[in-house]
Amino acid sequence: MAQQDGPTAHRKHRDPEEHRTSMVEKGPFCTARCTCGWRGPARRARSLARTDAEGHVSA
């Protein structure tokens, strides 16, 4: 389950421009993060972290 932080964690996102995601690598793990404060779980596969980010922006 994705970790959700910040005041917009439970709000539906309508404008993808207000959310800019990035990948952060730390050791063997990759995490998706967003400018709104959301961050996904640590993943070993970059593709899964990217999928987490895409799901956050489209949610």
C-alpha atoms as a PDB file:
ATOM      1  CA  MET A   1       0.000   0.000   0.000  1.00  0.00           C
ATOM      2  CA  ALA A   2       1.321   3.442  -0.915  1.00  0.00           C
ATOM      3  CA  GLN A   3       2.212   5.838   1.833  1.00  0.00           C
ATOM      4  CA  GLN A   4       0.276   9.080   1.669  1.00  0.00           C
ATOM      5  CA  ASP A   5       1.450  12.263   3.317  1.00  0.00           C
ATOM      6  CA  GLY A   6       0.288  15.848   3.301  1.00  0.00           C
ATOM      7  CA  PRO A   7      -3.023  17.677   3.133  1.00  0.00           C
ATOM      8  CA  THR A   8      -3.848  16.558  -0.432  1.00  0.00           C
ATOM      9  CA  ALA A   9      -3.356  12.860   0.236  1.00  0.00           C
ATOM     10  CA  HIS A  10      -7.078  12.003   0.104  1.00  0.00           C
ATOM     11  CA  ARG A  11      -8.124  14.518  -2.549  1.00  0.00           C
ATOM     12  CA  LYS A  12      -8.725  13.540  -6.170  1.00  0.00           C
ATOM     13  CA  HIS A  13      -6.178  15.158  -8.468  1.00  0.00           C
ATOM     14  CA  ARG A  14      -7.702  16.722 -11.556  1.00  0.00           C
ATOM     15  CA  ASP A  15      -4.800  18.749 -12.907  1.00  0.00           C
ATOM     16  CA  PRO A  16      -1.660  16.679 -13.539  1.00  0.00           C
ATOM     17  CA  GLU A  17       0.330  19.928 -13.736  1.00  0.00           C
ATOM     18  CA  GLU A  18      -0.156  20.521 -10.002  1.00  0.00           C
ATOM     19  CA  HIS A  19       1.645  17.226  -9.278  1.00  0.00           C
ATOM     20  CA  ARG A  20       5.196  16.653 -10.428  1.00  0.00           C
ATOM     21  CA  THR A  21       6.584  13.260  -9.590  1.00  0.00           C
ATOM     22  CA  SER A  22      10.183  12.135  -9.460  1.00  0.00           C
ATOM     23  CA  MET A  23      12.115   8.994  -8.607  1.00  0.00           C
ATOM     24  CA  VAL A  24      14.543   8.908  -5.693  1.00  0.00           C
ATOM     25  CA  GLU A  25      17.055   6.087  -5.464  1.00  0.00           C
ATOM     26  CA  LYS A  26      18.556   5.024  -2.159  1.00  0.00           C
ATOM     27  CA  GLY A  27      20.710   1.927  -2.289  1.00  0.00           C
ATOM     28  CA  PRO A  28      18.840  -0.862  -4.081  1.00  0.00           C
ATOM     29  CA  PHE A  29      15.475   0.873  -3.643  1.00  0.00           C
ATOM     30  CA  CYS A  30      13.585   3.426  -5.727  1.00  0.00           C
ATOM     31  CA  THR A  31      10.746   5.579  -4.384  1.00  0.00           C
ATOM     32  CA  ALA A  32       8.280   7.779  -6.235  1.00  0.00           C
ATOM     33  CA  ARG A  33       7.738  11.241  -4.726  1.00  0.00           C
ATOM     34  CA  CYS A  34       5.482  14.137  -5.615  1.00  0.00           C
ATOM     35  CA  THR A  35       5.642  17.889  -5.092  1.00  0.00           C
ATOM     36  CA  CYS A  36       2.404  17.669  -3.045  1.00  0.00           C
ATOM     37  CA  GLY A  37       4.216  15.650  -0.357  1.00  0.00           C
ATOM     38  CA  TRP A  38       3.016  12.177  -1.371  1.00  0.00           C
ATOM     39  CA  ARG A  39       5.533   9.365  -1.600  1.00  0.00           C
ATOM     40  CA  GLY A  40       5.170   5.773  -2.611  1.00  0.00           C
ATOM     41  CA  PRO A  41       6.672   2.693  -1.033  1.00  0.00           C
ATOM     42  CA  ALA A  42      10.300   1.745  -1.602  1.00  0.00           C
ATOM     43  CA  ARG A  43      10.551  -0.606  -4.569  1.00  0.00           C
ATOM     44  CA  ARG A  44      13.412  -2.679  -5.939  1.00  0.00           C
ATOM     45  CA  ALA A  45      12.046  -2.296  -9.475  1.00  0.00           C
ATOM     46  CA  ARG A  46      12.072   1.214 -10.973  1.00  0.00           C
ATOM     47  CA  SER A  47       9.148   0.245 -13.193  1.00  0.00           C
ATOM     48  CA  LEU A  48       6.963  -0.373 -10.119  1.00  0.00           C
ATOM     49  CA  ALA A  49       7.928   2.986  -8.623  1.00  0.00           C
ATOM     50  CA  ARG A  50       7.016   4.663 -11.933  1.00  0.00           C
ATOM     51  CA  THR A  51       3.657   2.843 -11.888  1.00  0.00           C
ATOM     52  CA  ASP A  52       3.051   4.123  -8.333  1.00  0.00           C
ATOM     53  CA  ALA A  53       3.734   7.683  -9.529  1.00  0.00           C
ATOM     54  CA  GLU A  54       1.429   7.333 -12.539  1.00  0.00           C
ATOM     55  CA  GLY A  55      -1.320   5.984 -10.285  1.00  0.00           C
ATOM     56  CA  HIS A  56      -0.909   8.937  -7.912  1.00  0.00           C
ATOM     57  CA  VAL A  57      -1.151  11.545 -10.666  1.00  0.00           C
ATOM     58  CA  SER A  58      -4.200   9.917 -12.265  1.00  0.00           C
ATOM     59  CA  ALA A  59      -6.018   9.226  -8.956  1.00  0.00           C
END
